[in-house]
Amino acid sequence: MKQLVIFILAAAFCCSCSKDDYINVKFDKETFIEQRQLWQASNTKDYEYHLLFGGYNIKIIIENGDCKDEGICNFDYSTIDKVYNTIEEIYNFYNGTKKTDHYFSDRYLFYVTEIFIEYDKINHIPIKIHYLYYVSPGIDIHGIFYYEINDFEKIYYMEY
């Protein structure tokens, strides 16, 4: 009975909104899930890569699954696992709604419409991540919507 009440309330809520109140973010979630699972199955814990965004080129070194540079460790793209988590969070935040960035008033819309990802099919990591946004006319937007991972390399330590 409880599930039926929840279903009826959800249906009533959805029906009271116009179709234009919701968007579906274009995103190949099936490939995303597949590549993420392959990455996780590889159990790669020691690696490095260059992250390019907004004119920056940052070398990131991961040892035993942890970021080694405290200055960038809290950054959303500081490990491959965080890259996957961030993409998923952005998709889940915007998909099914027209949530706008908090910097804009209610009269302006700014939201993700598509997430495009190119993968390294050998290492199963996103190497190009591009977020496409809808932006209301009259808003001047400057931001970083494109990330690239280059020179990914697994690190092998010799035991003596």
Protein backbone atom coordinates (compact mmCIF):
# COMPACT_ATOMS: atom_id res chain seq x y z
CA MET A 1 0.00 0.00 0.00
CA LYS A 2 2.82 2.39 0.92
CA GLN A 3 4.41 1.85 -2.52
CA LEU A 4 1.08 2.57 -4.24
CA VAL A 5 0.71 5.88 -2.38
CA ILE A 6 4.26 6.88 -3.33
CA PHE A 7 3.57 5.96 -6.96
CA ILE A 8 0.34 7.99 -7.05
CA LEU A 9 2.01 11.02 -5.48
CA ALA A 10 4.93 10.77 -7.91
CA ALA A 11 2.58 10.43 -10.89
CA ALA A 12 0.50 13.41 -9.73
CA PHE A 13 3.63 15.51 -9.30
CA CYS A 14 4.95 14.58 -12.73
CA CYS A 15 1.62 15.20 -14.44
CA SER A 16 1.27 18.66 -12.87
CA CYS A 17 4.45 19.82 -14.58
CA SER A 18 4.75 20.72 -18.22
CA LYS A 19 6.95 18.66 -20.48
CA ASP A 20 9.24 21.68 -20.84
CA ASP A 21 10.09 21.61 -17.13
CA TYR A 22 12.29 18.56 -17.60
CA ILE A 23 15.24 17.70 -19.79
CA ASN A 24 17.09 14.49 -20.41
CA VAL A 25 20.83 14.91 -20.57
CA LYS A 26 22.14 13.22 -23.68
CA PHE A 27 24.69 10.75 -22.36
CA ASP A 28 25.86 7.27 -23.34
CA LYS A 29 25.37 5.82 -19.87
CA GLU A 30 25.73 2.22 -21.07
CA THR A 31 29.26 2.78 -22.39
CA PHE A 32 30.08 4.87 -19.30
CA ILE A 33 29.06 2.01 -16.97
CA GLU A 34 30.90 -0.56 -19.08
CA GLN A 35 34.15 1.43 -19.20
CA ARG A 36 33.96 2.25 -15.48
CA GLN A 37 33.52 -1.42 -14.59
CA LEU A 38 36.47 -2.38 -16.79
CA TRP A 39 38.58 0.34 -15.13
CA GLN A 40 37.62 -0.90 -11.66
CA ALA A 41 38.29 -4.53 -12.66
CA SER A 42 41.81 -3.56 -13.76
CA ASN A 43 42.54 -2.66 -10.11
CA THR A 44 45.13 -0.11 -11.23
CA LYS A 45 46.43 1.65 -8.11
CA ASP A 46 49.68 3.26 -9.32
CA TYR A 47 49.53 5.57 -12.32
CA GLU A 48 50.07 9.09 -13.58
CA TYR A 49 48.51 11.33 -16.18
CA HIS A 50 48.28 14.91 -17.37
CA LEU A 51 44.97 16.69 -16.92
CA LEU A 52 44.31 19.55 -19.33
CA PHE A 53 41.55 22.10 -18.68
CA GLY A 54 41.15 25.83 -19.04
CA GLY A 55 44.74 26.36 -20.16
CA TYR A 56 46.16 24.29 -17.30
CA ASN A 57 48.23 21.14 -17.74
CA ILE A 58 48.59 19.37 -14.40
CA LYS A 59 50.59 16.21 -13.85
CA ILE A 60 48.79 13.94 -11.41
CA ILE A 61 50.56 11.03 -9.71
CA ILE A 62 48.60 8.31 -7.95
CA GLU A 63 50.32 5.84 -5.64
CA ASN A 64 48.35 3.01 -4.05
CA GLY A 65 45.13 4.68 -5.20
CA ASP A 66 45.92 8.00 -3.50
CA CYS A 67 46.80 11.36 -5.00
CA LYS A 68 50.29 12.50 -3.98
CA ASP A 69 49.97 16.29 -4.42
CA GLU A 70 47.88 17.74 -1.57
CA GLY A 71 47.30 20.89 -3.61
CA ILE A 72 45.14 19.03 -6.11
CA CYS A 73 43.93 15.99 -4.16
CA ASN A 74 40.54 17.51 -3.38
CA PHE A 75 39.98 18.40 -7.03
CA ASP A 76 37.14 16.47 -8.71
CA TYR A 77 39.46 15.11 -11.42
CA SER A 78 42.45 14.17 -9.22
CA THR A 79 42.09 10.39 -9.67
CA ILE A 80 40.43 8.31 -12.37
CA ASP A 81 37.85 7.13 -9.83
CA LYS A 82 37.05 10.78 -9.02
CA VAL A 83 36.75 11.53 -12.74
CA TYR A 84 34.11 8.82 -13.08
CA ASN A 85 32.35 9.96 -9.88
CA THR A 86 32.27 13.59 -11.00
CA ILE A 87 30.80 12.75 -14.40
CA GLU A 88 28.12 10.62 -12.74
CA GLU A 89 27.31 13.36 -10.19
CA ILE A 90 26.95 16.01 -12.91
CA TYR A 91 24.72 13.71 -14.95
CA ASN A 92 22.53 12.82 -11.94
CA PHE A 93 22.28 16.46 -10.83
CA TYR A 94 21.04 17.82 -14.16
CA ASN A 95 19.23 14.86 -15.73
CA GLY A 96 15.44 15.09 -15.52
CA THR A 97 15.31 18.73 -14.46
CA LYS A 98 16.30 22.25 -15.43
CA LYS A 99 18.36 23.02 -12.38
CA THR A 100 20.30 26.17 -12.90
CA ASP A 101 23.64 27.18 -11.50
CA HIS A 102 23.23 29.04 -8.19
CA TYR A 103 24.99 32.14 -9.55
CA PHE A 104 22.01 33.00 -11.73
CA SER A 105 18.57 34.19 -10.72
CA ASP A 106 15.46 32.15 -11.47
CA ARG A 107 14.86 34.01 -14.73
CA TYR A 108 18.02 32.62 -16.34
CA LEU A 109 18.66 29.00 -17.21
CA PHE A 110 22.05 27.35 -17.28
CA TYR A 111 22.11 23.56 -17.35
CA VAL A 112 23.84 20.56 -18.92
CA THR A 113 22.19 19.18 -22.06
CA GLU A 114 24.84 16.67 -23.14
CA ILE A 115 27.91 14.92 -21.78
CA PHE A 116 30.28 13.61 -24.42
CA ILE A 117 33.09 11.27 -23.41
CA GLU A 118 35.83 9.63 -25.46
CA TYR A 119 37.50 6.64 -23.79
CA ASP A 120 40.92 5.03 -23.91
CA LYS A 121 39.80 1.52 -24.83
CA ILE A 122 42.99 -0.08 -23.47
CA ASN A 123 43.04 1.50 -20.00
CA HIS A 124 39.28 2.18 -19.83
CA ILE A 125 39.56 5.79 -18.76
CA PRO A 126 37.80 8.92 -20.03
CA ILE A 127 40.33 10.84 -22.10
CA LYS A 128 38.03 13.61 -23.36
CA ILE A 129 35.11 14.92 -21.32
CA HIS A 130 32.93 17.65 -22.76
CA TYR A 131 29.90 19.16 -21.04
CA LEU A 132 27.45 20.99 -23.32
CA TYR A 133 25.19 23.54 -21.63
CA TYR A 134 22.04 25.40 -22.46
CA VAL A 135 22.51 29.05 -21.53
CA SER A 136 19.69 31.63 -21.56
CA PRO A 137 20.23 34.55 -23.93
CA GLY A 138 21.87 37.49 -22.21
CA ILE A 139 24.14 35.47 -19.93
CA ASP A 140 27.87 35.85 -20.46
CA ILE A 141 29.38 32.52 -19.39
CA HIS A 142 33.06 31.87 -18.86
CA GLY A 143 33.98 28.50 -17.47
CA ILE A 144 35.64 25.18 -18.00
CA PHE A 145 33.47 22.66 -19.76
CA TYR A 146 36.13 20.50 -21.39
CA TYR A 147 38.67 18.21 -19.74
CA GLU A 148 41.31 16.04 -21.35
CA ILE A 149 43.51 13.30 -19.92
CA ASN A 150 46.80 12.71 -21.71
CA ASP A 151 49.91 10.60 -21.19
CA PHE A 152 48.22 8.08 -18.92
CA GLU A 153 50.82 5.59 -17.71
CA LYS A 154 50.70 2.77 -15.20
CA ILE A 155 53.57 2.88 -12.73
CA TYR A 156 55.32 -0.33 -11.80
CA TYR A 157 57.47 -0.37 -8.72
CA MET A 158 60.33 -2.81 -8.41
CA GLU A 159 60.57 -4.65 -5.10
CA TYR A 160 64.03 -5.25 -3.76
